[in-house]
PDB file of all heavy atoms in Angstrom:
ATOM      1  N   PRO A   1       4.171   4.001  17.669  1.00  0.00           N
ATOM      2  CA  PRO A   1       3.023   3.288  18.228  1.00  0.00           C
ATOM      3  C   PRO A   1       1.813   3.283  17.288  1.00  0.00           C
ATOM      4  O   PRO A   1       1.020   2.359  17.298  1.00  0.00           O
ATOM      5  CB  PRO A   1       2.738   4.070  19.481  1.00  0.00           C
ATOM      6  CG  PRO A   1       3.991   4.728  19.847  1.00  0.00           C
ATOM      7  CD  PRO A   1       4.660   5.031  18.537  1.00  0.00           C
ATOM      8  N   PHE A   2       1.673   4.350  16.432  1.00  0.00           N
ATOM      9  CA  PHE A   2       0.505   4.463  15.557  1.00  0.00           C
ATOM     10  C   PHE A   2       0.893   4.697  14.076  1.00  0.00           C
ATOM     11  O   PHE A   2       0.046   5.040  13.300  1.00  0.00           O
ATOM     12  CB  PHE A   2      -0.400   5.605  16.033  1.00  0.00           C
ATOM     13  CG  PHE A   2      -0.815   5.502  17.463  1.00  0.00           C
ATOM     14  CD1 PHE A   2      -0.235   6.318  18.422  1.00  0.00           C
ATOM     15  CD2 PHE A   2      -1.771   4.581  17.856  1.00  0.00           C
ATOM     16  CE1 PHE A   2      -0.624   6.235  19.730  1.00  0.00           C
ATOM     17  CE2 PHE A   2      -2.133   4.479  19.197  1.00  0.00           C
ATOM     18  CZ  PHE A   2      -1.583   5.307  20.152  1.00  0.00           C
ATOM     19  N   THR A   3       2.124   4.475  13.761  1.00  0.00           N
ATOM     20  CA  THR A   3       2.619   4.750  12.416  1.00  0.00           C
ATOM     21  C   THR A   3       3.266   3.545  11.824  1.00  0.00           C
ATOM     22  O   THR A   3       4.160   2.907  12.413  1.00  0.00           O
ATOM     23  CB  THR A   3       3.664   5.897  12.394  1.00  0.00           C
ATOM     24  OG1 THR A   3       3.022   7.065  12.983  1.00  0.00           O
ATOM     25  CG2 THR A   3       4.089   6.196  10.988  1.00  0.00           C
ATOM     26  N   THR A   4       2.855   3.172  10.567  1.00  0.00           N
ATOM     27  CA  THR A   4       3.378   1.992   9.880  1.00  0.00           C
ATOM     28  C   THR A   4       3.646   2.363   8.432  1.00  0.00           C
ATOM     29  O   THR A   4       2.813   2.996   7.761  1.00  0.00           O
ATOM     30  CB  THR A   4       2.400   0.816   9.919  1.00  0.00           C
ATOM     31  OG1 THR A   4       2.141   0.480  11.272  1.00  0.00           O
ATOM     32  CG2 THR A   4       3.016  -0.393   9.212  1.00  0.00           C
ATOM     33  N   VAL A   5       4.832   1.942   7.940  1.00  0.00           N
ATOM     34  CA  VAL A   5       5.148   2.047   6.505  1.00  0.00           C
ATOM     35  C   VAL A   5       5.152   0.657   5.932  1.00  0.00           C
ATOM     36  O   VAL A   5       5.794  -0.247   6.470  1.00  0.00           O
ATOM     37  CB  VAL A   5       6.517   2.726   6.324  1.00  0.00           C
ATOM     38  CG1 VAL A   5       6.852   2.796   4.827  1.00  0.00           C
ATOM     39  CG2 VAL A   5       6.571   4.107   6.932  1.00  0.00           C
ATOM     40  N   ASP A   6       4.372   0.449   4.852  1.00  0.00           N
ATOM     41  CA  ASP A   6       4.163  -0.874   4.290  1.00  0.00           C
ATOM     42  C   ASP A   6       4.500  -0.831   2.798  1.00  0.00           C
ATOM     43  O   ASP A   6       3.892  -0.025   2.062  1.00  0.00           O
ATOM     44  CB  ASP A   6       2.675  -1.273   4.526  1.00  0.00           C
ATOM     45  CG  ASP A   6       2.421  -2.747   4.287  1.00  0.00           C
ATOM     46  OD1 ASP A   6       3.348  -3.468   3.920  1.00  0.00           O
ATOM     47  OD2 ASP A   6       1.279  -3.140   4.474  1.00  0.00           O
ATOM     48  N   VAL A   7       5.404  -1.665   2.375  1.00  0.00           N
ATOM     49  CA  VAL A   7       5.788  -1.753   0.970  1.00  0.00           C
ATOM     50  C   VAL A   7       5.504  -3.155   0.448  1.00  0.00           C
ATOM     51  O   VAL A   7       5.959  -4.147   1.078  1.00  0.00           O
ATOM     52  CB  VAL A   7       7.281  -1.402   0.746  1.00  0.00           C
ATOM     53  CG1 VAL A   7       7.625  -1.507  -0.751  1.00  0.00           C
ATOM     54  CG2 VAL A   7       7.542  -0.034   1.284  1.00  0.00           C
ATOM     55  N   VAL A   8       4.741  -3.307  -0.658  1.00  0.00           N
ATOM     56  CA  VAL A   8       4.337  -4.583  -1.181  1.00  0.00           C
ATOM     57  C   VAL A   8       4.701  -4.642  -2.665  1.00  0.00           C
ATOM     58  O   VAL A   8       4.364  -3.706  -3.421  1.00  0.00           O
ATOM     59  CB  VAL A   8       2.862  -4.874  -0.972  1.00  0.00           C
ATOM     60  CG1 VAL A   8       2.445  -6.145  -1.617  1.00  0.00           C
ATOM     61  CG2 VAL A   8       2.521  -4.927   0.521  1.00  0.00           C
ATOM     62  N   VAL A   9       5.317  -5.751  -3.079  1.00  0.00           N
ATOM     63  CA  VAL A   9       5.542  -6.040  -4.507  1.00  0.00           C
ATOM     64  C   VAL A   9       4.863  -7.346  -4.779  1.00  0.00           C
ATOM     65  O   VAL A   9       5.213  -8.370  -4.193  1.00  0.00           O
ATOM     66  CB  VAL A   9       7.010  -6.110  -4.846  1.00  0.00           C
ATOM     67  CG1 VAL A   9       7.182  -6.455  -6.320  1.00  0.00           C
ATOM     68  CG2 VAL A   9       7.697  -4.761  -4.542  1.00  0.00           C
ATOM     69  N   ARG A  10       3.909  -7.338  -5.753  1.00  0.00           N
ATOM     70  CA  ARG A  10       3.116  -8.528  -6.021  1.00  0.00           C
ATOM     71  C   ARG A  10       3.013  -8.801  -7.485  1.00  0.00           C
ATOM     72  O   ARG A  10       2.349  -8.058  -8.239  1.00  0.00           O
ATOM     73  CB  ARG A  10       1.680  -8.348  -5.451  1.00  0.00           C
ATOM     74  CG  ARG A  10       0.794  -9.503  -5.793  1.00  0.00           C
ATOM     75  CD  ARG A  10      -0.689  -9.127  -5.791  1.00  0.00           C
ATOM     76  NE  ARG A  10      -1.550 -10.228  -6.216  1.00  0.00           N
ATOM     77  CZ  ARG A  10      -2.809 -10.111  -6.569  1.00  0.00           C
ATOM     78  NH1 ARG A  10      -3.360  -8.928  -6.541  1.00  0.00           N
ATOM     79  NH2 ARG A  10      -3.527 -11.128  -6.962  1.00  0.00           N
ATOM     80  N   PRO A  11       3.709  -9.885  -7.984  1.00  0.00           N
ATOM     81  CA  PRO A  11       3.456 -10.289  -9.396  1.00  0.00           C
ATOM     82  C   PRO A  11       2.183 -11.145  -9.424  1.00  0.00           C
ATOM     83  O   PRO A  11       1.899 -11.904  -8.456  1.00  0.00           O
ATOM     84  CB  PRO A  11       4.696 -11.133  -9.692  1.00  0.00           C
ATOM     85  CG  PRO A  11       5.132 -11.640  -8.355  1.00  0.00           C
ATOM     86  CD  PRO A  11       4.741 -10.655  -7.306  1.00  0.00           C
ATOM     87  N   ALA A  12       1.444 -11.037 -10.464  1.00  0.00           N
ATOM     88  CA  ALA A  12       0.160 -11.792 -10.537  1.00  0.00           C
ATOM     89  C   ALA A  12      -0.041 -12.310 -11.985  1.00  0.00           C
ATOM     90  O   ALA A  12       0.374 -11.663 -12.964  1.00  0.00           O
ATOM     91  CB  ALA A  12      -1.027 -10.883 -10.173  1.00  0.00           C
ATOM     92  N   THR A  13      -0.655 -13.518 -12.040  1.00  0.00           N
ATOM     93  CA  THR A  13      -1.041 -14.056 -13.306  1.00  0.00           C
ATOM     94  C   THR A  13      -2.586 -14.033 -13.340  1.00  0.00           C
ATOM     95  O   THR A  13      -3.205 -14.791 -12.601  1.00  0.00           O
ATOM     96  CB  THR A  13      -0.528 -15.479 -13.497  1.00  0.00           C
ATOM     97  OG1 THR A  13       0.892 -15.466 -13.416  1.00  0.00           O
ATOM     98  CG2 THR A  13      -0.944 -16.030 -14.830  1.00  0.00           C
ATOM     99  N   THR A  14      -3.148 -13.168 -14.148  1.00  0.00           N
ATOM    100  CA  THR A  14      -4.597 -12.987 -14.177  1.00  0.00           C
ATOM    101  C   THR A  14      -5.155 -13.433 -15.530  1.00  0.00           C
ATOM    102  O   THR A  14      -4.387 -13.649 -16.482  1.00  0.00           O
ATOM    103  CB  THR A  14      -4.984 -11.502 -13.933  1.00  0.00           C
ATOM    104  OG1 THR A  14      -4.641 -10.764 -15.116  1.00  0.00           O
ATOM    105  CG2 THR A  14      -4.192 -10.949 -12.784  1.00  0.00           C
ATOM    106  N   PRO A  15      -6.474 -13.585 -15.669  1.00  0.00           N
ATOM    107  CA  PRO A  15      -7.041 -13.909 -16.962  1.00  0.00           C
ATOM    108  C   PRO A  15      -6.737 -12.936 -18.092  1.00  0.00           C
ATOM    109  O   PRO A  15      -6.926 -13.281 -19.240  1.00  0.00           O
ATOM    110  CB  PRO A  15      -8.558 -13.988 -16.677  1.00  0.00           C
ATOM    111  CG  PRO A  15      -8.638 -14.253 -15.218  1.00  0.00           C
ATOM    112  CD  PRO A  15      -7.481 -13.553 -14.597  1.00  0.00           C
ATOM    113  N   VAL A  16      -6.304 -11.746 -17.756  1.00  0.00           N
ATOM    114  CA  VAL A  16      -6.012 -10.759 -18.792  1.00  0.00           C
ATOM    115  C   VAL A  16      -4.538 -10.485 -18.910  1.00  0.00           C
ATOM    116  O   VAL A  16      -4.088  -9.466 -19.477  1.00  0.00           O
ATOM    117  CB  VAL A  16      -6.786  -9.427 -18.515  1.00  0.00           C
ATOM    118  CG1 VAL A  16      -8.272  -9.642 -18.751  1.00  0.00           C
ATOM    119  CG2 VAL A  16      -6.509  -8.909 -17.127  1.00  0.00           C
ATOM    120  N   GLY A  17      -3.682 -11.372 -18.349  1.00  0.00           N
ATOM    121  CA  GLY A  17      -2.254 -11.269 -18.496  1.00  0.00           C
ATOM    122  C   GLY A  17      -1.486 -11.149 -17.196  1.00  0.00           C
ATOM    123  O   GLY A  17      -2.091 -11.054 -16.086  1.00  0.00           O
ATOM    124  N   ARG A  18      -0.176 -11.174 -17.289  1.00  0.00           N
ATOM    125  CA  ARG A  18       0.658 -11.008 -16.102  1.00  0.00           C
ATOM    126  C   ARG A  18       0.874  -9.564 -15.748  1.00  0.00           C
ATOM    127  O   ARG A  18       1.088  -8.738 -16.651  1.00  0.00           O
ATOM    128  CB  ARG A  18       2.012 -11.730 -16.355  1.00  0.00           C
ATOM    129  CG  ARG A  18       1.889 -13.254 -16.503  1.00  0.00           C
ATOM    130  CD  ARG A  18       3.247 -13.893 -16.613  1.00  0.00           C
ATOM    131  NE  ARG A  18       3.140 -15.324 -16.692  1.00  0.00           N
ATOM    132  CZ  ARG A  18       4.181 -16.161 -16.759  1.00  0.00           C
ATOM    133  NH1 ARG A  18       5.409 -15.663 -16.751  1.00  0.00           N
ATOM    134  NH2 ARG A  18       3.989 -17.439 -16.812  1.00  0.00           N
ATOM    135  N   THR A  19       0.824  -9.290 -14.478  1.00  0.00           N
ATOM    136  CA  THR A  19       0.948  -7.867 -14.052  1.00  0.00           C
ATOM    137  C   THR A  19       1.859  -7.770 -12.838  1.00  0.00           C
ATOM    138  O   THR A  19       2.162  -8.791 -12.166  1.00  0.00           O
ATOM    139  CB  THR A  19      -0.437  -7.273 -13.699  1.00  0.00           C
ATOM    140  OG1 THR A  19      -0.989  -7.979 -12.595  1.00  0.00           O
ATOM    141  CG2 THR A  19      -1.379  -7.358 -14.875  1.00  0.00           C
ATOM    142  N   ILE A  20       2.268  -6.564 -12.499  1.00  0.00           N
ATOM    143  CA  ILE A  20       3.037  -6.271 -11.323  1.00  0.00           C
ATOM    144  C   ILE A  20       2.310  -5.183 -10.522  1.00  0.00           C
ATOM    145  O   ILE A  20       1.886  -4.168 -11.092  1.00  0.00           O
ATOM    146  CB  ILE A  20       4.456  -5.780 -11.637  1.00  0.00           C
ATOM    147  CG1 ILE A  20       5.244  -6.958 -12.235  1.00  0.00           C
ATOM    148  CG2 ILE A  20       5.144  -5.260 -10.372  1.00  0.00           C
ATOM    149  CD1 ILE A  20       5.641  -8.015 -11.249  1.00  0.00           C
ATOM    150  N   THR A  21       2.140  -5.446  -9.244  1.00  0.00           N
ATOM    151  CA  THR A  21       1.683  -4.397  -8.326  1.00  0.00           C
ATOM    152  C   THR A  21       2.817  -4.059  -7.359  1.00  0.00           C
ATOM    153  O   THR A  21       3.337  -4.970  -6.686  1.00  0.00           O
ATOM    154  CB  THR A  21       0.409  -4.877  -7.557  1.00  0.00           C
ATOM    155  OG1 THR A  21      -0.685  -5.052  -8.402  1.00  0.00           O
ATOM    156  CG2 THR A  21       0.092  -3.905  -6.415  1.00  0.00           C
ATOM    157  N   ALA A  22       3.211  -2.823  -7.328  1.00  0.00           N
ATOM    158  CA  ALA A  22       4.311  -2.386  -6.457  1.00  0.00           C
ATOM    159  C   ALA A  22       3.890  -1.026  -5.864  1.00  0.00           C
ATOM    160  O   ALA A  22       3.811  -0.053  -6.610  1.00  0.00           O
ATOM    161  CB  ALA A  22       5.632  -2.287  -7.204  1.00  0.00           C
ATOM    162  N   ALA A  23       3.702  -1.002  -4.569  1.00  0.00           N
ATOM    163  CA  ALA A  23       3.189   0.233  -3.977  1.00  0.00           C
ATOM    164  C   ALA A  23       3.638   0.312  -2.511  1.00  0.00           C
ATOM    165  O   ALA A  23       3.983  -0.682  -1.913  1.00  0.00           O
ATOM    166  CB  ALA A  23       1.657   0.268  -3.997  1.00  0.00           C
ATOM    167  N   ALA A  24       3.614   1.546  -1.999  1.00  0.00           N
ATOM    168  CA  ALA A  24       4.029   1.815  -0.633  1.00  0.00           C
ATOM    169  C   ALA A  24       2.884   2.559   0.043  1.00  0.00           C
ATOM    170  O   ALA A  24       2.265   3.481  -0.551  1.00  0.00           O
ATOM    171  CB  ALA A  24       5.311   2.679  -0.588  1.00  0.00           C
ATOM    172  N   ARG A  25       2.644   2.208   1.301  1.00  0.00           N
ATOM    173  CA  ARG A  25       1.518   2.802   2.053  1.00  0.00           C
ATOM    174  C   ARG A  25       2.028   3.294   3.404  1.00  0.00           C
ATOM    175  O   ARG A  25       2.859   2.630   4.101  1.00  0.00           O
ATOM    176  CB  ARG A  25       0.429   1.780   2.265  1.00  0.00           C
ATOM    177  CG  ARG A  25      -0.809   2.252   3.052  1.00  0.00           C
ATOM    178  CD  ARG A  25      -1.812   1.161   3.171  1.00  0.00           C
ATOM    179  NE  ARG A  25      -3.091   1.557   3.723  1.00  0.00           N
ATOM    180  CZ  ARG A  25      -3.460   1.350   4.973  1.00  0.00           C
ATOM    181  NH1 ARG A  25      -2.626   0.726   5.825  1.00  0.00           N
ATOM    182  NH2 ARG A  25      -4.638   1.754   5.419  1.00  0.00           N
ATOM    183  N   VAL A  26       1.548   4.402   3.831  1.00  0.00           N
ATOM    184  CA  VAL A  26       1.837   4.977   5.136  1.00  0.00           C
ATOM    185  C   VAL A  26       0.510   5.147   5.881  1.00  0.00           C
ATOM    186  O   VAL A  26      -0.434   5.719   5.370  1.00  0.00           O
ATOM    187  CB  VAL A  26       2.568   6.317   5.063  1.00  0.00           C
ATOM    188  CG1 VAL A  26       2.804   6.909   6.464  1.00  0.00           C
ATOM    189  CG2 VAL A  26       3.875   6.180   4.362  1.00  0.00           C
ATOM    190  N   SER A  27       0.452   4.675   7.128  1.00  0.00           N
ATOM    191  CA  SER A  27      -0.718   4.867   7.973  1.00  0.00           C
ATOM    192  C   SER A  27      -0.278   5.414   9.301  1.00  0.00           C
ATOM    193  O   SER A  27       0.759   5.013   9.838  1.00  0.00           O
ATOM    194  CB  SER A  27      -1.486   3.541   8.158  1.00  0.00           C
ATOM    195  OG  SER A  27      -0.654   2.578   8.769  1.00  0.00           O
ATOM    196  N   THR A  28      -1.057   6.348   9.815  1.00  0.00           N
ATOM    197  CA  THR A  28      -0.693   6.988  11.089  1.00  0.00           C
ATOM    198  C   THR A  28      -1.930   7.519  11.767  1.00  0.00           C
ATOM    199  O   THR A  28      -3.051   7.472  11.195  1.00  0.00           O
ATOM    200  CB  THR A  28       0.319   8.136  10.865  1.00  0.00           C
ATOM    201  OG1 THR A  28       0.849   8.592  12.133  1.00  0.00           O
ATOM    202  CG2 THR A  28      -0.308   9.318  10.133  1.00  0.00           C
ATOM    203  N   GLN A  29      -1.761   8.036  12.968  1.00  0.00           N
ATOM    204  CA  GLN A  29      -2.876   8.616  13.728  1.00  0.00           C
ATOM    205  C   GLN A  29      -2.486  10.018  14.167  1.00  0.00           C
ATOM    206  O   GLN A  29      -1.389  10.183  14.787  1.00  0.00           O
ATOM    207  CB  GLN A  29      -3.278   7.758  14.937  1.00  0.00           C
ATOM    208  CG  GLN A  29      -4.424   8.343  15.739  1.00  0.00           C
ATOM    209  CD  GLN A  29      -4.914   7.371  16.769  1.00  0.00           C
ATOM    210  OE1 GLN A  29      -4.923   6.163  16.563  1.00  0.00           O
ATOM    211  NE2 GLN A  29      -5.404   7.926  17.907  1.00  0.00           N
ATOM    212  N   VAL A  30      -3.283  10.981  13.864  1.00  0.00           N
ATOM    213  CA  VAL A  30      -3.060  12.358  14.257  1.00  0.00           C
ATOM    214  C   VAL A  30      -4.281  12.803  15.063  1.00  0.00           C
ATOM    215  O   VAL A  30      -5.388  12.926  14.469  1.00  0.00           O
ATOM    216  CB  VAL A  30      -2.811  13.302  13.072  1.00  0.00           C
ATOM    217  CG1 VAL A  30      -2.622  14.704  13.522  1.00  0.00           C
ATOM    218  CG2 VAL A  30      -1.625  12.818  12.226  1.00  0.00           C
ATOM    219  N   ALA A  31      -4.070  13.041  16.362  1.00  0.00           N
ATOM    220  CA  ALA A  31      -5.193  13.375  17.264  1.00  0.00           C
ATOM    221  C   ALA A  31      -6.239  12.292  17.154  1.00  0.00           C
ATOM    222  O   ALA A  31      -5.950  11.142  17.378  1.00  0.00           O
ATOM    223  CB  ALA A  31      -5.755  14.774  16.930  1.00  0.00           C
ATOM    224  N   ARG A  32      -7.466  12.613  16.756  1.00  0.00           N
ATOM    225  CA  ARG A  32      -8.494  11.569  16.618  1.00  0.00           C
ATOM    226  C   ARG A  32      -8.663  11.085  15.199  1.00  0.00           C
ATOM    227  O   ARG A  32      -9.642  10.356  14.895  1.00  0.00           O
ATOM    228  CB  ARG A  32      -9.841  12.137  17.136  1.00  0.00           C
ATOM    229  CG  ARG A  32      -9.809  12.519  18.610  1.00  0.00           C
ATOM    230  CD  ARG A  32     -11.175  12.988  19.085  1.00  0.00           C
ATOM    231  NE  ARG A  32     -11.173  13.320  20.485  1.00  0.00           N
ATOM    232  CZ  ARG A  32     -12.268  13.758  21.149  1.00  0.00           C
ATOM    233  NH1 ARG A  32     -13.400  13.904  20.488  1.00  0.00           N
ATOM    234  NH2 ARG A  32     -12.179  14.056  22.415  1.00  0.00           N
ATOM    235  N   TRP A  33      -7.772  11.442  14.345  1.00  0.00           N
ATOM    236  CA  TRP A  33      -7.852  11.054  12.940  1.00  0.00           C
ATOM    237  C   TRP A  33      -6.902   9.894  12.614  1.00  0.00           C
ATOM    238  O   TRP A  33      -5.742   9.943  12.991  1.00  0.00           O
ATOM    239  CB  TRP A  33      -7.512  12.214  12.030  1.00  0.00           C
ATOM    240  CG  TRP A  33      -8.437  13.398  12.136  1.00  0.00           C
ATOM    241  CD1 TRP A  33      -8.412  14.375  13.063  1.00  0.00           C
ATOM    242  CD2 TRP A  33      -9.572  13.674  11.307  1.00  0.00           C
ATOM    243  NE1 TRP A  33      -9.401  15.280  12.880  1.00  0.00           N
ATOM    244  CE2 TRP A  33     -10.118  14.868  11.791  1.00  0.00           C
ATOM    245  CE3 TRP A  33     -10.095  13.046  10.231  1.00  0.00           C
ATOM    246  CZ2 TRP A  33     -11.269  15.430  11.198  1.00  0.00           C
ATOM    247  CZ3 TRP A  33     -11.236  13.608   9.614  1.00  0.00           C
ATOM    248  CH2 TRP A  33     -11.800  14.787  10.112  1.00  0.00           C
ATOM    249  N   GLU A  34      -7.426   8.835  11.996  1.00  0.00           N
ATOM    250  CA  GLU A  34      -6.595   7.778  11.504  1.00  0.00           C
ATOM    251  C   GLU A  34      -6.437   8.001   9.971  1.00  0.00           C
ATOM    252  O   GLU A  34      -7.439   7.985   9.242  1.00  0.00           O
ATOM    253  CB  GLU A  34      -7.213   6.395  11.755  1.00  0.00           C
ATOM    254  CG  GLU A  34      -7.309   6.065  13.228  1.00  0.00           C
ATOM    255  CD  GLU A  34      -7.947   4.704  13.477  1.00  0.00           C
ATOM    256  OE1 GLU A  34      -7.944   3.873  12.516  1.00  0.00           O
ATOM    257  OE2 GLU A  34      -8.434   4.459  14.584  1.00  0.00           O
ATOM    258  N   LEU A  35      -5.210   8.222   9.504  1.00  0.00           N
ATOM    259  CA  LEU A  35      -4.962   8.607   8.147  1.00  0.00           C
ATOM    260  C   LEU A  35      -4.095   7.566   7.446  1.00  0.00           C
ATOM    261  O   LEU A  35      -3.206   6.945   8.093  1.00  0.00           O
ATOM    262  CB  LEU A  35      -4.263   9.997   8.111  1.00  0.00           C
ATOM    263  CG  LEU A  35      -4.934  11.108   8.864  1.00  0.00           C
ATOM    264  CD1 LEU A  35      -4.072  12.347   8.877  1.00  0.00           C
ATOM    265  CD2 LEU A  35      -6.312  11.419   8.283  1.00  0.00           C
ATOM    266  N   SER A  36      -4.284   7.375   6.171  1.00  0.00           N
ATOM    267  CA  SER A  36      -3.466   6.501   5.395  1.00  0.00           C
ATOM    268  C   SER A  36      -3.392   6.995   3.981  1.00  0.00           C
ATOM    269  O   SER A  36      -4.275   7.696   3.466  1.00  0.00           O
ATOM    270  CB  SER A  36      -4.022   5.063   5.432  1.00  0.00           C
ATOM    271  OG  SER A  36      -5.242   4.964   4.779  1.00  0.00           O
ATOM    272  N   ALA A  37      -2.300   6.629   3.265  1.00  0.00           N
ATOM    273  CA  ALA A  37      -2.153   6.978   1.846  1.00  0.00           C
ATOM    274  C   ALA A  37      -1.214   5.951   1.229  1.00  0.00           C
ATOM    275  O   ALA A  37      -0.260   5.523   1.852  1.00  0.00           O
ATOM    276  CB  ALA A  37      -1.645   8.365   1.672  1.00  0.00           C
ATOM    277  N   TRP A  38      -1.466   5.583  -0.016  1.00  0.00           N
ATOM    278  CA  TRP A  38      -0.568   4.727  -0.764  1.00  0.00           C
ATOM    279  C   TRP A  38      -0.422   5.224  -2.190  1.00  0.00           C
ATOM    280  O   TRP A  38      -1.298   5.902  -2.704  1.00  0.00           O
ATOM    281  CB  TRP A  38      -0.964   3.256  -0.716  1.00  0.00           C
ATOM    282  CG  TRP A  38      -2.281   2.827  -1.287  1.00  0.00           C
ATOM    283  CD1 TRP A  38      -3.401   2.546  -0.619  1.00  0.00           C
ATOM    284  CD2 TRP A  38      -2.539   2.652  -2.667  1.00  0.00           C
ATOM    285  NE1 TRP A  38      -4.395   2.168  -1.508  1.00  0.00           N
ATOM    286  CE2 TRP A  38      -3.894   2.231  -2.773  1.00  0.00           C
ATOM    287  CE3 TRP A  38      -1.811   2.777  -3.892  1.00  0.00           C
ATOM    288  CZ2 TRP A  38      -4.498   1.924  -4.002  1.00  0.00           C
ATOM    289  CZ3 TRP A  38      -2.440   2.519  -5.068  1.00  0.00           C
ATOM    290  CH2 TRP A  38      -3.770   2.061  -5.153  1.00  0.00           C
ATOM    291  N   ALA A  39       0.708   4.844  -2.818  1.00  0.00           N
ATOM    292  CA  ALA A  39       0.945   5.193  -4.218  1.00  0.00           C
ATOM    293  C   ALA A  39       1.849   4.162  -4.831  1.00  0.00           C
ATOM    294  O   ALA A  39       2.648   3.538  -4.126  1.00  0.00           O
ATOM    295  CB  ALA A  39       1.559   6.599  -4.292  1.00  0.00           C
ATOM    296  N   GLY A  40       1.711   4.006  -6.146  1.00  0.00           N
ATOM    297  CA  GLY A  40       2.551   3.044  -6.833  1.00  0.00           C
ATOM    298  C   GLY A  40       1.909   2.589  -8.112  1.00  0.00           C
ATOM    299  O   GLY A  40       1.100   3.320  -8.719  1.00  0.00           O
ATOM    300  N   ALA A  41       2.218   1.318  -8.519  1.00  0.00           N
ATOM    301  CA  ALA A  41       1.633   0.746  -9.736  1.00  0.00           C
ATOM    302  C   ALA A  41       0.743  -0.387  -9.286  1.00  0.00           C
ATOM    303  O   ALA A  41       1.150  -1.283  -8.516  1.00  0.00           O
ATOM    304  CB  ALA A  41       2.753   0.208 -10.636  1.00  0.00           C
TER     305      ALA A  41
END
């Protein structure tokens, strides 16, 4: 009910070159705290 795992892979063409963003994020709720963290490139 309060926990989501989100994985995104995004290729991009920017003014400074082509890049890849690939990261995973977890968000959840513990008591009265809403917490999230992500890691990747």
